[in-house]
C-alpha atoms as a PDB file:
ATOM      1  CA  MET A   1       9.943  10.134 -65.474  1.00  0.00           C
ATOM      2  CA  THR A   2      10.468  11.059 -61.846  1.00  0.00           C
ATOM      3  CA  THR A   3      14.093  11.896 -61.101  1.00  0.00           C
ATOM      4  CA  LEU A   4      13.978  12.824 -57.420  1.00  0.00           C
ATOM      5  CA  SER A   5      16.965  11.214 -55.730  1.00  0.00           C
ATOM      6  CA  ARG A   6      16.959   9.415 -52.417  1.00  0.00           C
ATOM      7  CA  ARG A   7      19.016  11.256 -49.809  1.00  0.00           C
ATOM      8  CA  ARG A   8      22.312   9.628 -48.878  1.00  0.00           C
ATOM      9  CA  PHE A   9      23.238   9.439 -45.205  1.00  0.00           C
ATOM     10  CA  ILE A  10      26.837   8.349 -45.073  1.00  0.00           C
ATOM     11  CA  ARG A  11      29.318  11.063 -44.332  1.00  0.00           C
ATOM     12  CA  ILE A  12      33.084  11.207 -44.094  1.00  0.00           C
ATOM     13  CA  ALA A  13      34.509  12.217 -40.740  1.00  0.00           C
ATOM     14  CA  VAL A  14      38.225  12.247 -41.434  1.00  0.00           C
ATOM     15  CA  GLY A  15      39.087  13.169 -37.859  1.00  0.00           C
ATOM     16  CA  GLY A  16      42.238  14.241 -36.069  1.00  0.00           C
ATOM     17  CA  ALA A  17      45.115  15.422 -38.200  1.00  0.00           C
ATOM     18  CA  ALA A  18      43.111  15.405 -41.403  1.00  0.00           C
ATOM     19  CA  VAL A  19      40.499  17.710 -39.929  1.00  0.00           C
ATOM     20  CA  ALA A  20      43.269  20.022 -38.753  1.00  0.00           C
ATOM     21  CA  ALA A  21      44.766  20.135 -42.231  1.00  0.00           C
ATOM     22  CA  LEU A  22      41.404  20.728 -43.914  1.00  0.00           C
ATOM     23  CA  ALA A  23      40.513  23.441 -41.459  1.00  0.00           C
ATOM     24  CA  GLY A  24      43.663  25.345 -42.351  1.00  0.00           C
ATOM     25  CA  LEU A  25      45.481  24.588 -39.107  1.00  0.00           C
ATOM     26  CA  PRO A  26      49.230  23.805 -39.180  1.00  0.00           C
ATOM     27  CA  ALA A  27      49.795  21.063 -41.745  1.00  0.00           C
ATOM     28  CA  ALA A  28      52.588  19.583 -39.627  1.00  0.00           C
ATOM     29  CA  ARG A  29      49.923  17.880 -37.541  1.00  0.00           C
ATOM     30  CA  ALA A  30      49.274  15.489 -40.420  1.00  0.00           C
ATOM     31  CA  SER A  31      51.859  13.180 -41.973  1.00  0.00           C
ATOM     32  CA  VAL A  32      50.370  13.859 -45.422  1.00  0.00           C
ATOM     33  CA  PRO A  33      48.436  17.080 -46.092  1.00  0.00           C
ATOM     34  CA  LEU A  34      44.930  16.213 -47.262  1.00  0.00           C
ATOM     35  CA  SER A  35      42.272  17.991 -49.299  1.00  0.00           C
ATOM     36  CA  ARG A  36      38.535  17.445 -49.239  1.00  0.00           C
ATOM     37  CA  TRP A  37      36.427  17.742 -52.388  1.00  0.00           C
ATOM     38  CA  LYS A  38      32.623  17.982 -52.354  1.00  0.00           C
ATOM     39  CA  GLY A  39      30.205  17.679 -55.254  1.00  0.00           C
ATOM     40  CA  VAL A  40      27.200  15.749 -56.589  1.00  0.00           C
ATOM     41  CA  VAL A  41      27.118  12.280 -58.174  1.00  0.00           C
ATOM     42  CA  LEU A  42      23.888  10.818 -59.598  1.00  0.00           C
ATOM     43  CA  GLY A  43      21.930  13.472 -57.726  1.00  0.00           C
ATOM     44  CA  ALA A  44      23.511  12.623 -54.361  1.00  0.00           C
ATOM     45  CA  GLU A  45      26.019  14.517 -52.247  1.00  0.00           C
ATOM     46  CA  ALA A  46      29.574  13.283 -52.771  1.00  0.00           C
ATOM     47  CA  GLU A  47      32.981  13.957 -51.278  1.00  0.00           C
ATOM     48  CA  MET A  48      36.554  12.672 -51.306  1.00  0.00           C
ATOM     49  CA  VAL A  49      39.594  12.996 -49.055  1.00  0.00           C
ATOM     50  CA  LEU A  50      42.727  13.102 -51.209  1.00  0.00           C
ATOM     51  CA  PRO A  51      46.443  13.826 -50.894  1.00  0.00           C
ATOM     52  CA  ALA A  52      46.658  17.583 -51.330  1.00  0.00           C
ATOM     53  CA  ALA A  53      49.613  17.428 -53.716  1.00  0.00           C
ATOM     54  CA  GLU A  54      47.632  15.350 -56.242  1.00  0.00           C
ATOM     55  CA  ALA A  55      44.136  16.597 -55.477  1.00  0.00           C
ATOM     56  CA  GLY A  56      43.645  18.651 -58.622  1.00  0.00           C
ATOM     57  CA  ARG A  57      44.571  15.830 -60.978  1.00  0.00           C
ATOM     58  CA  LEU A  58      42.585  13.221 -59.052  1.00  0.00           C
ATOM     59  CA  ILE A  59      39.502  15.425 -58.948  1.00  0.00           C
ATOM     60  CA  ALA A  60      39.712  15.914 -62.720  1.00  0.00           C
ATOM     61  CA  LEU A  61      40.079  12.173 -63.215  1.00  0.00           C
ATOM     62  CA  THR A  62      37.084  11.552 -60.943  1.00  0.00           C
ATOM     63  CA  LEU A  63      34.831  14.060 -62.681  1.00  0.00           C
ATOM     64  CA  ALA A  64      35.689  12.599 -66.079  1.00  0.00           C
ATOM     65  CA  GLU A  65      34.910   9.047 -64.955  1.00  0.00           C
ATOM     66  CA  VAL A  66      31.749  10.089 -63.117  1.00  0.00           C
ATOM     67  CA  GLY A  67      30.546  12.022 -66.157  1.00  0.00           C
ATOM     68  CA  ARG A  68      31.156   9.043 -68.401  1.00  0.00           C
ATOM     69  CA  LEU A  69      29.241   6.679 -66.101  1.00  0.00           C
ATOM     70  CA  GLU A  70      26.389   9.124 -65.495  1.00  0.00           C
ATOM     71  CA  ARG A  71      25.817   9.128 -69.264  1.00  0.00           C
ATOM     72  CA  ILE A  72      25.056   5.431 -68.811  1.00  0.00           C
ATOM     73  CA  PHE A  73      23.247   5.138 -65.445  1.00  0.00           C
ATOM     74  CA  SER A  74      21.563   8.469 -64.778  1.00  0.00           C
ATOM     75  CA  LEU A  75      17.823   9.040 -64.472  1.00  0.00           C
ATOM     76  CA  TYR A  76      18.591  12.778 -64.631  1.00  0.00           C
ATOM     77  CA  ARG A  77      20.105  12.911 -68.109  1.00  0.00           C
ATOM     78  CA  GLY A  78      17.685  12.584 -70.998  1.00  0.00           C
ATOM     79  CA  ASP A  79      20.390  11.047 -73.183  1.00  0.00           C
ATOM     80  CA  SER A  80      21.601   8.354 -70.768  1.00  0.00           C
ATOM     81  CA  ALA A  81      21.592   4.691 -71.761  1.00  0.00           C
ATOM     82  CA  LEU A  82      19.262   3.913 -68.844  1.00  0.00           C
ATOM     83  CA  ILE A  83      16.727   6.544 -69.916  1.00  0.00           C
ATOM     84  CA  ARG A  84      16.758   5.130 -73.451  1.00  0.00           C
ATOM     85  CA  LEU A  85      16.254   1.597 -72.116  1.00  0.00           C
ATOM     86  CA  ASN A  86      13.325   2.685 -69.961  1.00  0.00           C
ATOM     87  CA  ARG A  87      11.761   4.661 -72.792  1.00  0.00           C
ATOM     88  CA  GLN A  88      12.126   2.000 -75.481  1.00  0.00           C
ATOM     89  CA  GLY A  89      12.019  -1.220 -73.444  1.00  0.00           C
ATOM     90  CA  VAL A  90      15.045  -2.462 -75.362  1.00  0.00           C
ATOM     91  CA  LEU A  91      18.636  -1.312 -75.837  1.00  0.00           C
ATOM     92  CA  GLU A  92      20.766  -2.706 -78.641  1.00  0.00           C
ATOM     93  CA  SER A  93      24.551  -2.848 -78.192  1.00  0.00           C
ATOM     94  CA  PRO A  94      24.347  -1.549 -74.611  1.00  0.00           C
ATOM     95  CA  PRO A  95      27.383  -0.158 -72.805  1.00  0.00           C
ATOM     96  CA  ILE A  96      29.305  -3.004 -71.174  1.00  0.00           C
ATOM     97  CA  GLU A  97      29.072  -1.224 -67.812  1.00  0.00           C
ATOM     98  CA  LEU A  98      25.264  -1.373 -67.942  1.00  0.00           C
ATOM     99  CA  VAL A  99      25.380  -5.056 -68.821  1.00  0.00           C
ATOM    100  CA  GLU A 100      27.776  -5.735 -65.962  1.00  0.00           C
ATOM    101  CA  LEU A 101      25.811  -3.736 -63.403  1.00  0.00           C
ATOM    102  CA  LEU A 102      22.455  -5.280 -64.314  1.00  0.00           C
ATOM    103  CA  ALA A 103      24.002  -8.756 -64.128  1.00  0.00           C
ATOM    104  CA  ARG A 104      25.371  -7.987 -60.662  1.00  0.00           C
ATOM    105  CA  ALA A 105      22.001  -6.586 -59.622  1.00  0.00           C
ATOM    106  CA  GLN A 106      20.277  -9.770 -60.748  1.00  0.00           C
ATOM    107  CA  ALA A 107      22.705 -11.865 -58.705  1.00  0.00           C
ATOM    108  CA  VAL A 108      21.762  -9.909 -55.565  1.00  0.00           C
ATOM    109  CA  SER A 109      18.077 -10.192 -56.485  1.00  0.00           C
ATOM    110  CA  ALA A 110      18.348 -13.965 -56.648  1.00  0.00           C
ATOM    111  CA  ALA A 111      20.387 -14.229 -53.440  1.00  0.00           C
ATOM    112  CA  SER A 112      18.018 -11.933 -51.528  1.00  0.00           C
ATOM    113  CA  GLY A 113      14.856 -13.750 -52.555  1.00  0.00           C
ATOM    114  CA  GLY A 114      13.779 -10.792 -54.669  1.00  0.00           C
ATOM    115  CA  ALA A 115      14.116  -8.169 -51.925  1.00  0.00           C
ATOM    116  CA  PHE A 116      16.530  -6.267 -54.165  1.00  0.00           C
ATOM    117  CA  ASP A 117      14.950  -5.404 -57.502  1.00  0.00           C
ATOM    118  CA  VAL A 118      16.037  -2.628 -59.852  1.00  0.00           C
ATOM    119  CA  THR A 119      12.673  -2.704 -61.652  1.00  0.00           C
ATOM    120  CA  VAL A 120      10.864  -0.903 -58.785  1.00  0.00           C
ATOM    121  CA  GLN A 121      10.849   2.385 -60.740  1.00  0.00           C
ATOM    122  CA  PRO A 122       7.084   2.026 -61.544  1.00  0.00           C
ATOM    123  CA  LEU A 123       6.406   1.961 -57.796  1.00  0.00           C
ATOM    124  CA  TRP A 124       8.517   5.085 -57.329  1.00  0.00           C
ATOM    125  CA  GLU A 125       6.560   6.832 -60.086  1.00  0.00           C
ATOM    126  CA  ALA A 126       3.216   5.765 -58.599  1.00  0.00           C
ATOM    127  CA  TYR A 127       4.118   7.121 -55.157  1.00  0.00           C
ATOM    128  CA  ALA A 128       5.669  10.306 -56.537  1.00  0.00           C
ATOM    129  CA  ALA A 129       2.578  11.027 -58.652  1.00  0.00           C
ATOM    130  CA  HIS A 130       0.300  10.387 -55.671  1.00  0.00           C
ATOM    131  CA  PHE A 131       2.172  12.691 -53.302  1.00  0.00           C
ATOM    132  CA  SER A 132       2.501  15.455 -55.904  1.00  0.00           C
ATOM    133  CA  ARG A 133      -1.250  16.053 -55.580  1.00  0.00           C
ATOM    134  CA  ALA A 134      -2.715  18.501 -53.087  1.00  0.00           C
ATOM    135  CA  ALA A 135      -4.080  16.901 -49.905  1.00  0.00           C
ATOM    136  CA  ALA A 136      -2.659  13.495 -50.863  1.00  0.00           C
ATOM    137  CA  ASP A 137      -3.601  10.631 -48.553  1.00  0.00           C
ATOM    138  CA  PRO A 138      -0.524  10.197 -46.291  1.00  0.00           C
ATOM    139  CA  ALA A 139      -1.116   6.431 -46.368  1.00  0.00           C
ATOM    140  CA  GLY A 140      -0.013   6.415 -49.995  1.00  0.00           C
ATOM    141  CA  PRO A 141      -1.616   5.508 -53.328  1.00  0.00           C
ATOM    142  CA  PRO A 142      -4.756   3.352 -53.503  1.00  0.00           C
ATOM    143  CA  ARG A 143      -4.074  -0.366 -53.500  1.00  0.00           C
ATOM    144  CA  ALA A 144      -5.258  -0.673 -57.102  1.00  0.00           C
ATOM    145  CA  VAL A 145      -2.582   1.801 -58.207  1.00  0.00           C
ATOM    146  CA  ILE A 146       0.103  -0.103 -56.308  1.00  0.00           C
ATOM    147  CA  GLU A 147      -1.018  -3.405 -57.828  1.00  0.00           C
ATOM    148  CA  ALA A 148      -0.909  -1.896 -61.316  1.00  0.00           C
ATOM    149  CA  ALA A 149       2.674  -0.778 -60.699  1.00  0.00           C
ATOM    150  CA  LEU A 150       3.631  -4.158 -59.207  1.00  0.00           C
ATOM    151  CA  ALA A 151       2.474  -5.837 -62.421  1.00  0.00           C
ATOM    152  CA  ARG A 152       5.442  -4.124 -64.105  1.00  0.00           C
ATOM    153  CA  VAL A 153       7.997  -5.050 -61.417  1.00  0.00           C
ATOM    154  CA  ASN A 154      10.001  -8.267 -61.850  1.00  0.00           C
ATOM    155  CA  TRP A 155      13.780  -8.515 -62.016  1.00  0.00           C
ATOM    156  CA  ARG A 156      13.491 -11.827 -63.864  1.00  0.00           C
ATOM    157  CA  ALA A 157      11.768 -10.042 -66.758  1.00  0.00           C
ATOM    158  CA  VAL A 158      14.925  -8.083 -67.645  1.00  0.00           C
ATOM    159  CA  GLU A 159      16.854  -9.958 -70.319  1.00  0.00           C
ATOM    160  CA  VAL A 160      20.517  -9.011 -70.082  1.00  0.00           C
ATOM    161  CA  ASP A 161      22.970  -9.862 -72.831  1.00  0.00           C
ATOM    162  CA  PRO A 162      26.051  -8.059 -74.170  1.00  0.00           C
ATOM    163  CA  ALA A 163      24.233  -7.646 -77.483  1.00  0.00           C
ATOM    164  CA  ARG A 164      20.913  -6.440 -76.089  1.00  0.00           C
ATOM    165  CA  ILE A 165      19.003  -5.582 -72.935  1.00  0.00           C
ATOM    166  CA  ARG A 166      15.263  -6.077 -73.160  1.00  0.00           C
ATOM    167  CA  PHE A 167      12.216  -5.846 -70.917  1.00  0.00           C
ATOM    168  CA  ALA A 168       9.960  -8.887 -71.253  1.00  0.00           C
ATOM    169  CA  LYS A 169       6.944  -6.901 -70.004  1.00  0.00           C
ATOM    170  CA  PRO A 170       5.610  -3.620 -71.382  1.00  0.00           C
ATOM    171  CA  GLY A 171       5.812  -0.578 -69.162  1.00  0.00           C
ATOM    172  CA  MET A 172       8.779  -1.734 -67.111  1.00  0.00           C
ATOM    173  CA  ALA A 173      11.471   0.687 -65.956  1.00  0.00           C
ATOM    174  CA  VAL A 174      14.730   0.347 -64.068  1.00  0.00           C
ATOM    175  CA  THR A 175      16.284   2.531 -61.382  1.00  0.00           C
ATOM    176  CA  LEU A 176      19.888   1.909 -60.401  1.00  0.00           C
ATOM    177  CA  ASN A 177      19.776   4.166 -57.316  1.00  0.00           C
ATOM    178  CA  GLY A 178      20.311   1.139 -55.086  1.00  0.00           C
ATOM    179  CA  ILE A 179      23.589   0.049 -56.689  1.00  0.00           C
ATOM    180  CA  ALA A 180      25.006   2.553 -59.204  1.00  0.00           C
ATOM    181  CA  GLN A 181      26.501   4.918 -56.621  1.00  0.00           C
ATOM    182  CA  GLY A 182      28.474   2.012 -55.202  1.00  0.00           C
ATOM    183  CA  TYR A 183      29.564   0.899 -58.670  1.00  0.00           C
ATOM    184  CA  ILE A 184      30.748   4.398 -59.614  1.00  0.00           C
ATOM    185  CA  THR A 185      32.646   4.649 -56.331  1.00  0.00           C
ATOM    186  CA  ASP A 186      34.398   1.357 -57.089  1.00  0.00           C
ATOM    187  CA  ARG A 187      35.287   2.369 -60.634  1.00  0.00           C
ATOM    188  CA  VAL A 188      36.911   5.589 -59.457  1.00  0.00           C
ATOM    189  CA  ALA A 189      38.724   3.664 -56.714  1.00  0.00           C
ATOM    190  CA  GLU A 190      40.046   1.242 -59.342  1.00  0.00           C
ATOM    191  CA  ARG A 191      41.330   4.145 -61.427  1.00  0.00           C
ATOM    192  CA  PHE A 192      43.160   5.576 -58.416  1.00  0.00           C
ATOM    193  CA  ARG A 193      44.673   2.242 -57.466  1.00  0.00           C
ATOM    194  CA  ALA A 194      45.812   1.570 -61.031  1.00  0.00           C
ATOM    195  CA  GLU A 195      47.815   4.802 -60.807  1.00  0.00           C
ATOM    196  CA  GLY A 196      49.428   3.673 -57.573  1.00  0.00           C
ATOM    197  CA  PHE A 197      47.409   5.730 -55.105  1.00  0.00           C
ATOM    198  CA  ASP A 198      46.395   4.495 -51.676  1.00  0.00           C
ATOM    199  CA  ASN A 199      45.343   6.072 -48.380  1.00  0.00           C
ATOM    200  CA  ILE A 200      42.338   7.750 -49.999  1.00  0.00           C
ATOM    201  CA  LEU A 201      38.711   7.930 -48.885  1.00  0.00           C
ATOM    202  CA  LEU A 202      35.928   8.174 -51.473  1.00  0.00           C
ATOM    203  CA  GLY A 203      32.310   9.035 -50.800  1.00  0.00           C
ATOM    204  CA  LEU A 204      30.708   9.098 -54.234  1.00  0.00           C
ATOM    205  CA  GLY A 205      27.238   8.146 -53.027  1.00  0.00           C
ATOM    206  CA  GLU A 206      28.702   5.274 -51.003  1.00  0.00           C
ATOM    207  CA  THR A 207      32.010   5.180 -49.142  1.00  0.00           C
ATOM    208  CA  ARG A 208      35.126   3.263 -50.193  1.00  0.00           C
ATOM    209  CA  ALA A 209      38.506   3.361 -48.458  1.00  0.00           C
ATOM    210  CA  LEU A 210      41.751   2.639 -50.267  1.00  0.00           C
ATOM    211  CA  GLY A 211      44.022   1.586 -47.443  1.00  0.00           C
ATOM    212  CA  ALA A 212      44.078   3.418 -44.126  1.00  0.00           C
ATOM    213  CA  HIS A 213      44.452   7.061 -43.171  1.00  0.00           C
ATOM    214  CA  PRO A 214      47.939   8.324 -44.140  1.00  0.00           C
ATOM    215  CA  ASP A 215      48.850   8.265 -40.432  1.00  0.00           C
ATOM    216  CA  GLY A 216      48.101   4.528 -40.311  1.00  0.00           C
ATOM    217  CA  ARG A 217      44.842   4.883 -38.399  1.00  0.00           C
ATOM    218  CA  PRO A 218      41.477   3.671 -39.715  1.00  0.00           C
ATOM    219  CA  TRP A 219      39.381   6.222 -41.502  1.00  0.00           C
ATOM    220  CA  GLN A 220      36.377   7.315 -39.443  1.00  0.00           C
ATOM    221  CA  VAL A 221      33.062   7.302 -41.298  1.00  0.00           C
ATOM    222  CA  ALA A 222      30.091   9.026 -39.701  1.00  0.00           C
ATOM    223  CA  ALA A 223      27.282   6.862 -40.976  1.00  0.00           C
ATOM    224  CA  GLY A 224      24.215   8.870 -40.021  1.00  0.00           C
ATOM    225  CA  ASP A 225      22.414  11.077 -37.550  1.00  0.00           C
ATOM    226  CA  GLY A 226      22.706   9.601 -34.071  1.00  0.00           C
ATOM    227  CA  GLU A 227      25.124   6.892 -35.168  1.00  0.00           C
ATOM    228  CA  GLY A 228      28.737   6.703 -33.996  1.00  0.00           C
ATOM    229  CA  ALA A 229      31.684   6.865 -36.368  1.00  0.00           C
ATOM    230  CA  ILE A 230      32.637   3.576 -38.022  1.00  0.00           C
ATOM    231  CA  PRO A 231      36.334   2.706 -38.497  1.00  0.00           C
ATOM    232  CA  LEU A 232      37.158   1.680 -42.046  1.00  0.00           C
ATOM    233  CA  VAL A 233      40.342   0.336 -43.640  1.00  0.00           C
ATOM    234  CA  GLU A 234      40.403  -1.062 -47.206  1.00  0.00           C
ATOM    235  CA  GLY A 235      36.740  -1.674 -47.822  1.00  0.00           C
ATOM    236  CA  ALA A 236      33.376  -0.038 -48.270  1.00  0.00           C
ATOM    237  CA  ILE A 237      30.354   0.998 -46.252  1.00  0.00           C
ATOM    238  CA  ALA A 238      26.871   1.711 -47.568  1.00  0.00           C
ATOM    239  CA  VAL A 239      23.896   2.927 -45.576  1.00  0.00           C
ATOM    240  CA  SER A 240      20.161   2.876 -46.202  1.00  0.00           C
ATOM    241  CA  ALA A 241      17.616   4.623 -44.002  1.00  0.00           C
ATOM    242  CA  ALA A 242      13.845   4.379 -44.200  1.00  0.00           C
ATOM    243  CA  ASP A 243      13.450   8.146 -43.852  1.00  0.00           C
ATOM    244  CA  GLY A 244      16.048   8.850 -46.520  1.00  0.00           C
ATOM    245  CA  THR A 245      13.490  10.343 -48.900  1.00  0.00           C
ATOM    246  CA  PRO A 246      10.034  10.670 -47.352  1.00  0.00           C
ATOM    247  CA  PHE A 247       7.395  11.650 -49.885  1.00  0.00           C
ATOM    248  CA  ALA A 248       5.704  14.017 -47.438  1.00  0.00           C
ATOM    249  CA  PRO A 249       6.505  15.268 -43.932  1.00  0.00           C
ATOM    250  CA  ASP A 250       3.487  13.507 -42.454  1.00  0.00           C
ATOM    251  CA  ALA A 251       3.789  10.314 -44.495  1.00  0.00           C
ATOM    252  CA  ALA A 252       5.454   7.017 -43.684  1.00  0.00           C
ATOM    253  CA  ALA A 253       6.029   6.410 -47.400  1.00  0.00           C
ATOM    254  CA  ASN A 254       9.709   6.441 -48.356  1.00  0.00           C
ATOM    255  CA  HIS A 255      12.010   5.587 -51.233  1.00  0.00           C
ATOM    256  CA  LEU A 256      12.744   1.961 -50.219  1.00  0.00           C
ATOM    257  CA  PHE A 257      10.027  -0.103 -51.889  1.00  0.00           C
ATOM    258  CA  ASP A 258       9.432  -3.779 -51.288  1.00  0.00           C
ATOM    259  CA  PRO A 259       9.161  -5.231 -54.814  1.00  0.00           C
ATOM    260  CA  ARG A 260       6.995  -8.064 -53.523  1.00  0.00           C
ATOM    261  CA  SER A 261       4.324  -6.083 -51.661  1.00  0.00           C
ATOM    262  CA  GLY A 262       4.711  -2.590 -53.111  1.00  0.00           C
ATOM    263  CA  ASN A 263       4.912  -1.118 -49.610  1.00  0.00           C
ATOM    264  CA  PRO A 264       7.710   1.148 -48.359  1.00  0.00           C
ATOM    265  CA  ALA A 265      10.268  -0.201 -45.909  1.00  0.00           C
ATOM    266  CA  GLY A 266       9.484   0.236 -42.241  1.00  0.00           C
ATOM    267  CA  THR A 267      11.280  -2.433 -40.219  1.00  0.00           C
ATOM    268  CA  TYR A 268      14.598  -0.646 -39.737  1.00  0.00           C
ATOM    269  CA  ALA A 269      15.340   3.014 -39.145  1.00  0.00           C
ATOM    270  CA  TRP A 270      18.929   2.615 -40.307  1.00  0.00           C
ATOM    271  CA  ILE A 271      21.032  -0.175 -41.752  1.00  0.00           C
ATOM    272  CA  GLY A 272      24.705  -0.161 -42.744  1.00  0.00           C
ATOM    273  CA  VAL A 273      26.658  -2.814 -44.618  1.00  0.00           C
ATOM    274  CA  GLU A 274      30.441  -3.183 -44.701  1.00  0.00           C
ATOM    275  CA  ALA A 275      31.890  -5.164 -47.626  1.00  0.00           C
ATOM    276  CA  PRO A 276      35.026  -5.305 -49.794  1.00  0.00           C
ATOM    277  CA  THR A 277      33.355  -3.264 -52.552  1.00  0.00           C
ATOM    278  CA  ALA A 278      30.920  -0.374 -52.540  1.00  0.00           C
ATOM    279  CA  THR A 279      28.813  -2.076 -55.223  1.00  0.00           C
ATOM    280  CA  GLU A 280      28.055  -5.029 -52.975  1.00  0.00           C
ATOM    281  CA  ALA A 281      27.592  -2.885 -49.870  1.00  0.00           C
ATOM    282  CA  ASP A 282      25.208  -0.577 -51.745  1.00  0.00           C
ATOM    283  CA  ALA A 283      22.996  -3.331 -53.150  1.00  0.00           C
ATOM    284  CA  TRP A 284      22.836  -5.343 -49.929  1.00  0.00           C
ATOM    285  CA  SER A 285      22.061  -2.336 -47.734  1.00  0.00           C
ATOM    286  CA  THR A 286      18.990  -1.823 -49.921  1.00  0.00           C
ATOM    287  CA  ALA A 287      18.032  -5.498 -49.859  1.00  0.00           C
ATOM    288  CA  PHE A 288      18.498  -5.872 -46.099  1.00  0.00           C
ATOM    289  CA  SER A 289      16.241  -2.874 -45.503  1.00  0.00           C
ATOM    290  CA  LEU A 290      13.415  -5.056 -46.811  1.00  0.00           C
ATOM    291  CA  MET A 291      14.330  -8.358 -45.152  1.00  0.00           C
ATOM    292  CA  PRO A 292      13.566  -9.691 -41.656  1.00  0.00           C
ATOM    293  CA  LEU A 293      16.518 -10.299 -39.366  1.00  0.00           C
ATOM    294  CA  ASP A 294      16.477 -14.087 -39.769  1.00  0.00           C
ATOM    295  CA  SER A 295      16.607 -13.729 -43.571  1.00  0.00           C
ATOM    296  CA  ILE A 296      19.522 -11.315 -43.284  1.00  0.00           C
ATOM    297  CA  ARG A 297      21.418 -13.798 -41.148  1.00  0.00           C
ATOM    298  CA  ALA A 298      20.649 -16.617 -43.591  1.00  0.00           C
ATOM    299  CA  ALA A 299      21.888 -14.601 -46.590  1.00  0.00           C
ATOM    300  CA  LEU A 300      25.219 -13.530 -45.097  1.00  0.00           C
ATOM    301  CA  PRO A 301      27.222 -16.772 -45.631  1.00  0.00           C
ATOM    302  CA  GLY A 302      26.706 -16.502 -49.390  1.00  0.00           C
ATOM    303  CA  THR A 303      28.149 -12.990 -49.565  1.00  0.00           C
ATOM    304  CA  ALA A 304      31.469 -11.252 -48.949  1.00  0.00           C
ATOM    305  CA  ILE A 305      29.829  -8.925 -46.412  1.00  0.00           C
ATOM    306  CA  ARG A 306      31.981  -8.271 -43.367  1.00  0.00           C
ATOM    307  CA  ARG A 307      29.513  -6.634 -41.027  1.00  0.00           C
ATOM    308  CA  VAL A 308      25.915  -5.432 -40.822  1.00  0.00           C
ATOM    309  CA  ARG A 309      24.808  -2.764 -38.400  1.00  0.00           C
ATOM    310  CA  LEU A 310      21.143  -1.974 -37.968  1.00  0.00           C
ATOM    311  CA  ARG A 311      18.738  -0.112 -35.766  1.00  0.00           C
ATOM    312  CA  ALA A 312      15.102  -1.133 -35.674  1.00  0.00           C
ATOM    313  CA  GLN A 313      12.361   1.472 -35.538  1.00  0.00           C
ATOM    314  CA  GLY A 314      11.917   2.620 -31.951  1.00  0.00           C
ATOM    315  CA  ARG A 315      15.125   0.979 -30.708  1.00  0.00           C
ATOM    316  CA  ALA A 316      18.182   3.011 -29.824  1.00  0.00           C
ATOM    317  CA  ALA A 317      20.590   0.057 -29.881  1.00  0.00           C
ATOM    318  CA  THR A 318      22.598  -0.849 -32.948  1.00  0.00           C
ATOM    319  CA  ILE A 319      22.951  -4.588 -33.574  1.00  0.00           C
ATOM    320  CA  THR A 320      26.233  -5.816 -35.035  1.00  0.00           C
ATOM    321  CA  PHE A 321      26.817  -9.330 -36.308  1.00  0.00           C
END
């Protein structure tokens, strides 16, 4: 199974006093000395900005929780619950976190008219196999190959129950790359908050702020190349970009597949979603990448989304609504 990860674009730009502290400048410039940790979560770059005095313990807590959840959601680990589900087509007594996440994914699938669909892994595998060949057609796989993969894509064909998860069609496979990073970010944030911590910024694939910067200012999140910093207080931001993982330098094919047509996304160059949780922001940034603007507007009232920023291909302006 292909395990190449999509590239994540969101970056933390702590700014001002925090940058001074992290750069080793006089700590007195910041009200609370901060530490920055960097690592990898589900194959994506990750980082956190933490109170320096508790950084070691919080990093250990994070790595333990991330490791536990990666054993459930990862397409990189041969022993993960997700790998076993994809291999067998059924998983008895699944981890409750997998049940919960698939149920939340299905809710977004229904609300987005099927634009969000975790069963697009067969499309990913078809494109990855095509572009692994020498002199691959930059237009992508033949239509017959895409149609064969689409026959195994359907979020409604995943039966989710606490006792068992089952694929109703043979050959199906799930990828959680469009939602699991957000979910893991939220779970770590919940662990921190349960221990009484606030004023922390997490970027474990997606970005979640607990409170504001220790100085009382909003956190500043640099959301992508060419995009300005986004202020964030107590909430989450997720970003999807069409060129996040191109399959070849000269190909338009990318990692965001439309589960209805089998074609890669191409309407927007960049789209960012701000929401109370990273799980919701993550899933909806993926869905919106595959939806026309009028459908995005129509979907918003049924969500907790606070703001959507997007930039269409060929347009320098960012639209906020």
